[in-house]
Amino acid sequence: MILNITEAAGHQIKEMMKEEEGDVRLRFGVKGGGCSGLSYAMGFEDEINEELDLLEDSSGIPVVINRQDAAIVEGTTIDFKQNMMGGGFTIDNPNAIVSCGCGSSFKTATNAGTPDPNC
């Protein structure tokens, strides 16, 4: 399994999926940018490209991951934390060797990405 979704995150994602139209899946991946060079991307999508994407089930949630991103995010855990200021998703990627303070930008030993100079 490439991605692990905790019970708390799964509950939140399923609630958000109810608000989407159609048969949606969670898309999780990375894109260049952020302070450290790579940033996480997460959203909903109703189409997949069978040549470029992997489809897996995590905690009863259909997840789409681009094949190129799979090695970068393999073993990642998505959690949802609630606190006095509200709630938000947290991402724990065992492949990240450097992360920025916000926790959404990182780099791995094999992929440094392209840091955003405006960060």
N, C-alpha and C. Protein backbone atom coordinates (compact mmCIF):
# COMPACT_ATOMS: atom_id res chain seq x y z
N MET A 1 0.84 -1.18 0.00
CA MET A 1 0.00 0.00 0.00
C MET A 1 0.89 1.25 0.00
N ILE A 2 0.60 2.15 -0.89
CA ILE A 2 1.40 3.36 -1.03
C ILE A 2 1.03 4.39 0.02
N LEU A 3 -0.26 4.52 0.30
CA LEU A 3 -0.76 5.59 1.15
C LEU A 3 -1.60 5.02 2.28
N ASN A 4 -1.38 5.52 3.49
CA ASN A 4 -2.17 5.13 4.64
C ASN A 4 -3.00 6.33 5.07
N ILE A 5 -4.29 6.14 5.21
CA ILE A 5 -5.19 7.20 5.68
C ILE A 5 -5.72 6.79 7.04
N THR A 6 -5.49 7.62 8.06
CA THR A 6 -5.95 7.29 9.40
C THR A 6 -7.47 7.36 9.47
N GLU A 7 -8.02 6.84 10.56
CA GLU A 7 -9.46 6.86 10.74
C GLU A 7 -10.00 8.30 10.75
N ALA A 8 -9.31 9.19 11.45
CA ALA A 8 -9.75 10.59 11.53
C ALA A 8 -9.73 11.25 10.15
N ALA A 9 -8.66 11.04 9.40
CA ALA A 9 -8.57 11.62 8.06
C ALA A 9 -9.59 10.99 7.13
N GLY A 10 -9.77 9.67 7.25
CA GLY A 10 -10.75 8.98 6.43
C GLY A 10 -12.15 9.51 6.63
N HIS A 11 -12.49 9.76 7.89
CA HIS A 11 -13.82 10.31 8.19
C HIS A 11 -13.99 11.68 7.54
N GLN A 12 -12.98 12.53 7.67
CA GLN A 12 -13.05 13.87 7.09
C GLN A 12 -13.13 13.83 5.57
N ILE A 13 -12.32 12.97 4.96
CA ILE A 13 -12.31 12.86 3.50
C ILE A 13 -13.66 12.36 3.00
N LYS A 14 -14.22 11.36 3.67
CA LYS A 14 -15.53 10.82 3.26
C LYS A 14 -16.62 11.88 3.36
N GLU A 15 -16.56 12.71 4.39
CA GLU A 15 -17.54 13.81 4.53
C GLU A 15 -17.38 14.80 3.38
N MET A 16 -16.15 15.10 3.02
CA MET A 16 -15.90 16.03 1.92
C MET A 16 -16.34 15.43 0.59
N MET A 17 -16.16 14.13 0.43
CA MET A 17 -16.54 13.46 -0.82
C MET A 17 -18.06 13.52 -1.03
N LYS A 18 -18.82 13.53 0.05
CA LYS A 18 -20.28 13.60 -0.05
C LYS A 18 -20.72 14.89 -0.72
N GLU A 19 -19.91 15.94 -0.60
CA GLU A 19 -20.26 17.24 -1.17
C GLU A 19 -19.89 17.34 -2.65
N GLU A 20 -19.13 16.38 -3.14
CA GLU A 20 -18.71 16.37 -4.54
C GLU A 20 -19.77 15.67 -5.39
N GLU A 21 -19.84 16.05 -6.64
CA GLU A 21 -20.78 15.40 -7.56
C GLU A 21 -20.09 14.27 -8.32
N GLY A 22 -20.82 13.22 -8.58
CA GLY A 22 -20.29 12.12 -9.36
C GLY A 22 -19.53 11.12 -8.51
N ASP A 23 -18.89 10.22 -9.18
CA ASP A 23 -18.12 9.15 -8.56
C ASP A 23 -16.67 9.62 -8.41
N VAL A 24 -16.36 10.32 -7.31
CA VAL A 24 -15.04 10.92 -7.16
C VAL A 24 -14.10 10.02 -6.38
N ARG A 25 -12.83 10.26 -6.63
CA ARG A 25 -11.75 9.59 -5.93
C ARG A 25 -10.81 10.66 -5.37
N LEU A 26 -10.08 10.30 -4.33
CA LEU A 26 -9.07 11.21 -3.80
C LEU A 26 -7.83 11.10 -4.67
N ARG A 27 -7.33 12.23 -5.15
CA ARG A 27 -6.06 12.24 -5.88
C ARG A 27 -5.03 12.82 -4.93
N PHE A 28 -3.93 12.08 -4.78
CA PHE A 28 -2.84 12.52 -3.91
C PHE A 28 -1.54 12.43 -4.69
N GLY A 29 -0.71 13.45 -4.57
CA GLY A 29 0.55 13.45 -5.28
C GLY A 29 1.43 14.61 -4.87
N VAL A 30 2.40 14.89 -5.72
CA VAL A 30 3.33 15.98 -5.45
C VAL A 30 3.46 16.86 -6.69
N LYS A 31 3.91 18.08 -6.45
CA LYS A 31 4.20 19.00 -7.54
C LYS A 31 5.43 19.80 -7.13
N GLY A 32 6.12 20.37 -8.07
CA GLY A 32 7.28 21.19 -7.78
C GLY A 32 6.86 22.49 -7.13
N GLY A 33 7.72 23.01 -6.26
CA GLY A 33 7.46 24.30 -5.63
C GLY A 33 7.53 24.21 -4.12
N GLY A 34 7.10 25.26 -3.46
CA GLY A 34 7.19 25.32 -2.02
C GLY A 34 8.59 25.69 -1.58
N CYS A 35 8.77 25.87 -0.30
CA CYS A 35 10.06 26.29 0.24
C CYS A 35 11.15 25.24 0.06
N SER A 36 10.78 23.97 0.17
CA SER A 36 11.78 22.90 0.12
C SER A 36 11.93 22.27 -1.25
N GLY A 37 11.04 22.56 -2.20
CA GLY A 37 11.20 22.05 -3.56
C GLY A 37 10.05 21.23 -4.08
N LEU A 38 9.36 20.50 -3.20
CA LEU A 38 8.19 19.71 -3.58
C LEU A 38 7.04 20.05 -2.64
N SER A 39 5.84 20.02 -3.16
CA SER A 39 4.65 20.27 -2.34
C SER A 39 3.65 19.15 -2.58
N TYR A 40 2.85 18.87 -1.57
CA TYR A 40 1.80 17.87 -1.72
C TYR A 40 0.61 18.45 -2.46
N ALA A 41 -0.07 17.62 -3.21
CA ALA A 41 -1.29 18.02 -3.91
C ALA A 41 -2.36 17.00 -3.53
N MET A 42 -3.52 17.50 -3.14
CA MET A 42 -4.60 16.62 -2.72
C MET A 42 -5.92 17.25 -3.16
N GLY A 43 -6.76 16.45 -3.80
CA GLY A 43 -8.05 16.94 -4.25
C GLY A 43 -8.90 15.77 -4.72
N PHE A 44 -10.05 16.08 -5.31
CA PHE A 44 -10.95 15.06 -5.78
C PHE A 44 -10.99 15.05 -7.30
N GLU A 45 -11.18 13.86 -7.84
CA GLU A 45 -11.18 13.70 -9.29
C GLU A 45 -12.11 12.56 -9.66
N ASP A 46 -12.78 12.70 -10.80
CA ASP A 46 -13.70 11.63 -11.23
C ASP A 46 -13.15 10.82 -12.39
N GLU A 47 -11.97 11.17 -12.89
CA GLU A 47 -11.38 10.43 -14.00
C GLU A 47 -9.96 10.00 -13.65
N ILE A 48 -9.56 8.85 -14.17
CA ILE A 48 -8.18 8.43 -14.02
C ILE A 48 -7.63 8.03 -15.38
N ASN A 49 -6.32 8.13 -15.52
CA ASN A 49 -5.64 7.69 -16.72
C ASN A 49 -4.95 6.38 -16.37
N GLU A 50 -5.45 5.28 -16.90
CA GLU A 50 -4.95 3.96 -16.52
C GLU A 50 -3.48 3.76 -16.86
N GLU A 51 -2.95 4.51 -17.81
CA GLU A 51 -1.54 4.39 -18.16
C GLU A 51 -0.64 5.17 -17.21
N LEU A 52 -1.14 6.28 -16.68
CA LEU A 52 -0.32 7.15 -15.83
C LEU A 52 -0.61 7.01 -14.34
N ASP A 53 -1.79 6.53 -13.99
CA ASP A 53 -2.23 6.53 -12.60
C ASP A 53 -2.35 5.14 -12.00
N LEU A 54 -2.15 5.08 -10.69
CA LEU A 54 -2.42 3.88 -9.91
C LEU A 54 -3.69 4.14 -9.10
N LEU A 55 -4.50 3.13 -8.91
CA LEU A 55 -5.71 3.25 -8.11
C LEU A 55 -5.62 2.24 -6.99
N GLU A 56 -5.74 2.72 -5.77
CA GLU A 56 -5.73 1.82 -4.62
C GLU A 56 -6.81 2.25 -3.64
N ASP A 57 -7.11 1.36 -2.71
CA ASP A 57 -8.10 1.63 -1.69
C ASP A 57 -7.37 1.80 -0.36
N SER A 58 -7.65 2.89 0.32
CA SER A 58 -7.06 3.12 1.63
C SER A 58 -8.17 3.53 2.58
N SER A 59 -8.44 2.71 3.57
CA SER A 59 -9.50 2.97 4.56
C SER A 59 -10.86 3.14 3.89
N GLY A 60 -11.10 2.39 2.82
CA GLY A 60 -12.38 2.48 2.12
C GLY A 60 -12.50 3.67 1.20
N ILE A 61 -11.40 4.35 0.95
CA ILE A 61 -11.40 5.53 0.08
C ILE A 61 -10.60 5.19 -1.18
N PRO A 62 -11.21 5.36 -2.36
CA PRO A 62 -10.45 5.14 -3.59
C PRO A 62 -9.45 6.29 -3.79
N VAL A 63 -8.18 5.92 -3.95
CA VAL A 63 -7.11 6.91 -4.06
C VAL A 63 -6.40 6.75 -5.40
N VAL A 64 -6.21 7.86 -6.10
CA VAL A 64 -5.48 7.89 -7.36
C VAL A 64 -4.13 8.55 -7.11
N ILE A 65 -3.07 7.87 -7.56
CA ILE A 65 -1.71 8.40 -7.42
C ILE A 65 -1.01 8.25 -8.77
N ASN A 66 -0.41 9.32 -9.25
CA ASN A 66 0.36 9.25 -10.48
C ASN A 66 1.53 8.30 -10.27
N ARG A 67 1.79 7.45 -11.24
CA ARG A 67 2.88 6.46 -11.12
C ARG A 67 4.22 7.11 -10.80
N GLN A 68 4.49 8.30 -11.36
CA GLN A 68 5.75 8.99 -11.10
C GLN A 68 5.86 9.45 -9.66
N ASP A 69 4.73 9.76 -9.03
CA ASP A 69 4.72 10.23 -7.64
C ASP A 69 4.77 9.08 -6.63
N ALA A 70 4.43 7.89 -7.07
CA ALA A 70 4.28 6.76 -6.15
C ALA A 70 5.53 6.52 -5.29
N ALA A 71 6.71 6.52 -5.89
CA ALA A 71 7.93 6.26 -5.12
C ALA A 71 8.21 7.38 -4.12
N ILE A 72 7.83 8.60 -4.46
CA ILE A 72 8.08 9.75 -3.58
C ILE A 72 7.18 9.71 -2.35
N VAL A 73 5.95 9.22 -2.52
CA VAL A 73 4.99 9.24 -1.41
C VAL A 73 4.74 7.87 -0.79
N GLU A 74 5.45 6.84 -1.24
CA GLU A 74 5.21 5.50 -0.70
C GLU A 74 5.44 5.47 0.81
N GLY A 75 4.46 4.93 1.53
CA GLY A 75 4.53 4.83 2.98
C GLY A 75 4.00 6.05 3.71
N THR A 76 3.50 7.03 2.97
CA THR A 76 2.99 8.26 3.57
C THR A 76 1.68 8.01 4.33
N THR A 77 1.54 8.69 5.46
CA THR A 77 0.31 8.64 6.25
C THR A 77 -0.34 10.01 6.25
N ILE A 78 -1.64 10.04 5.93
CA ILE A 78 -2.43 11.26 6.01
C ILE A 78 -3.29 11.15 7.26
N ASP A 79 -3.23 12.17 8.10
CA ASP A 79 -4.03 12.21 9.33
C ASP A 79 -4.80 13.52 9.35
N PHE A 80 -5.78 13.62 10.23
CA PHE A 80 -6.52 14.86 10.41
C PHE A 80 -6.49 15.19 11.89
N LYS A 81 -6.02 16.38 12.22
CA LYS A 81 -5.89 16.82 13.61
C LYS A 81 -6.85 17.97 13.86
N GLN A 82 -7.54 17.89 14.97
CA GLN A 82 -8.45 18.94 15.40
C GLN A 82 -7.82 19.63 16.60
N ASN A 83 -7.85 20.97 16.62
CA ASN A 83 -7.34 21.70 17.78
C ASN A 83 -8.18 22.95 18.00
N MET A 84 -7.77 23.80 18.90
CA MET A 84 -8.54 25.01 19.25
C MET A 84 -8.71 25.96 18.06
N MET A 85 -7.79 25.92 17.12
CA MET A 85 -7.82 26.83 15.98
C MET A 85 -8.55 26.23 14.79
N GLY A 86 -9.09 25.02 14.94
CA GLY A 86 -9.77 24.35 13.84
C GLY A 86 -9.11 23.02 13.56
N GLY A 87 -9.21 22.57 12.34
CA GLY A 87 -8.63 21.27 12.00
C GLY A 87 -7.91 21.34 10.68
N GLY A 88 -7.12 20.33 10.44
CA GLY A 88 -6.40 20.27 9.17
C GLY A 88 -5.73 18.93 8.99
N PHE A 89 -5.39 18.65 7.75
CA PHE A 89 -4.71 17.41 7.41
C PHE A 89 -3.22 17.56 7.71
N THR A 90 -2.63 16.46 8.20
CA THR A 90 -1.18 16.41 8.38
C THR A 90 -0.66 15.26 7.52
N ILE A 91 0.54 15.41 7.02
CA ILE A 91 1.12 14.42 6.13
C ILE A 91 2.47 14.01 6.68
N ASP A 92 2.63 12.72 6.90
CA ASP A 92 3.89 12.17 7.40
C ASP A 92 4.47 11.27 6.30
N ASN A 93 5.50 11.78 5.64
CA ASN A 93 6.13 11.07 4.53
C ASN A 93 7.50 10.57 4.99
N PRO A 94 7.67 9.24 5.13
CA PRO A 94 8.96 8.72 5.59
C PRO A 94 10.10 8.94 4.59
N ASN A 95 9.78 9.33 3.36
CA ASN A 95 10.80 9.58 2.34
C ASN A 95 11.34 11.01 2.38
N ALA A 96 10.65 11.89 3.10
CA ALA A 96 11.08 13.29 3.17
C ALA A 96 12.30 13.41 4.08
N ILE A 97 13.35 14.04 3.57
CA ILE A 97 14.55 14.26 4.39
C ILE A 97 14.60 15.69 4.90
N VAL A 98 13.86 16.59 4.27
CA VAL A 98 13.77 17.98 4.69
C VAL A 98 12.33 18.42 4.49
N SER A 99 11.78 19.10 5.49
CA SER A 99 10.43 19.67 5.38
C SER A 99 10.48 21.10 5.85
N CYS A 100 9.60 21.93 5.32
CA CYS A 100 9.54 23.31 5.78
C CYS A 100 8.65 23.38 7.02
N GLY A 101 8.60 24.53 7.63
CA GLY A 101 7.83 24.71 8.85
C GLY A 101 6.35 24.46 8.70
N CYS A 102 5.79 24.73 7.52
CA CYS A 102 4.35 24.55 7.32
C CYS A 102 3.99 23.08 7.15
N GLY A 103 4.97 22.23 6.84
CA GLY A 103 4.73 20.80 6.71
C GLY A 103 4.19 20.36 5.37
N SER A 104 4.00 21.30 4.44
CA SER A 104 3.46 20.91 3.14
C SER A 104 4.52 20.93 2.04
N SER A 105 5.72 21.34 2.35
CA SER A 105 6.80 21.39 1.38
C SER A 105 7.94 20.52 1.89
N PHE A 106 8.57 19.77 0.97
CA PHE A 106 9.58 18.81 1.38
C PHE A 106 10.51 18.48 0.22
N LYS A 107 11.54 17.71 0.50
CA LYS A 107 12.35 17.10 -0.54
C LYS A 107 12.78 15.74 -0.05
N THR A 108 13.09 14.86 -1.00
CA THR A 108 13.55 13.52 -0.67
C THR A 108 15.02 13.40 -1.05
N ALA A 109 15.63 12.29 -0.69
CA ALA A 109 17.04 12.08 -1.01
C ALA A 109 17.25 12.00 -2.52
N THR A 110 16.24 11.57 -3.26
CA THR A 110 16.39 11.39 -4.71
C THR A 110 15.66 12.45 -5.53
N ASN A 111 14.86 13.31 -4.88
CA ASN A 111 14.11 14.31 -5.63
C ASN A 111 14.02 15.59 -4.81
N ALA A 112 14.77 16.61 -5.24
CA ALA A 112 14.79 17.88 -4.53
C ALA A 112 13.75 18.85 -5.07
N GLY A 113 13.15 18.57 -6.23
CA GLY A 113 12.16 19.47 -6.79
C GLY A 113 12.77 20.80 -7.16
N THR A 114 11.91 21.80 -7.30
CA THR A 114 12.34 23.16 -7.63
C THR A 114 11.75 24.11 -6.61
N PRO A 115 12.55 24.59 -5.66
CA PRO A 115 12.04 25.51 -4.63
C PRO A 115 11.47 26.79 -5.24
N ASP A 116 10.43 27.30 -4.62
CA ASP A 116 9.80 28.55 -5.03
C ASP A 116 10.61 29.70 -4.46
N PRO A 117 11.20 30.57 -5.29
CA PRO A 117 12.02 31.66 -4.78
C PRO A 117 11.23 32.70 -3.98
N ASN A 118 9.90 32.69 -4.11
CA ASN A 118 9.07 33.65 -3.38
C ASN A 118 8.61 33.11 -2.03
N CYS A 119 9.10 31.97 -1.65
CA CYS A 119 8.64 31.32 -0.43
C CYS A 119 9.35 31.88 0.79
